[in-house]
Amino acid sequence: MPSSFSFPGDFRRLWIGQTISAFGDKVSRIALPTAALLGLGGTAWDVGLLAALRFLPFVLIGTLAGVWVDRLPLRETMIGADAGRLVAMGGPPSSHRGFVFSGKLSGMPDAIDRYVIARYSKLLHGNFAGMMSDPEREAFLRDLVEDSRNITDDELGDLLAADWRPRITAAWLIGVDRRTAWRGRIRELFLESDLVFAGQGYCFALARFGTIADAEILVSYLDRYLARPDLRYDQEWALAALHHIDADLTTAYTSRYLRPGGLWGSWSAKNSTDLPFHKMYFAMLCSHVQRAVHAADVRR
């Protein structure tokens, strides 16, 4: 009985090759957005951009390339195109860094590699507190403390001029080492709030500084953005950071927002949130960091 694969050799190779290629296409359509969301901390914008870019070559060069390609040997062209896609999709993650980190990156690849790539998704939302085992978290925080003491001001400046991923990382490093010289720049970026997620890091840094001046920055932010229930930025983080400073300084800045008729009530009415949880979680993050800093001081 003839085998189901007893086709002419060229056809069999074409069939197998196209089956593998089609399978790879389907996987990449799922794997790339999933990697952007889970592995790289991407946003809906990032995923949408990935989906749109898949069709960009057809729009830009499809018509002209089709006329030219029709004059070439079809089999070699097909093999070459598939091989090129394999190389493009299978390259090392660092080769795609220009897309993943879309800020001003020229001149600072070492800072991105050393401080950001393996760390920012764990700092995002304080993920290191809930997604790591105790030994993993201790190692992560030990390295964070060490890098916060080693990173230069020039490197911090570069990171704060880039995308939200370098910014949130820089803000945490600044906060861990309590580099209060950066307070003015943190204030400027925080009040602008032009990038998603980075504000979480600014809140942490201000809470770590923990002075009246830092409380006033948080108050300025909350006065501006709690008055905008249509905007959900980092209001929960800011109020939790302000509460943390209140607890340390025995002040009562948060009371103006939490009293009846306060800005928190009107904002939270349109933005579902669990403020007691945010306060507890933020205090836990600060506690984890403080223990790691103390442990590093003891080891010195």
Foldseek 3Di string as FASTA:
>chain_A
DDDPLPDPPVVSVVVVVVVVLVVVVVCCLVVVLVCQVQVLVHDPVLNVVVVVVVCVCCVPCVVVVVVVCVVDDVVVVVVVVSVVVCCVVPPDPLVCVCSSWVWPCPPPPVLCVQQFNVPQSCPQVVVLVPPDDPVVSLVNLLSLLVVLVVDDPVSLVVLCRTALRSLLRSLQSCQLVVVCVCVVVLLVCLQVLPHARSNLSSLSSLLSVLDPVSLVSLVVNCVPPLVPLVDDGCNLSSLLSNVSSCVVVVDPSSCQQPPVVHSVVVNCVSPPDDNVVSNVVSVVSVVSSVVSNVVVVVVD
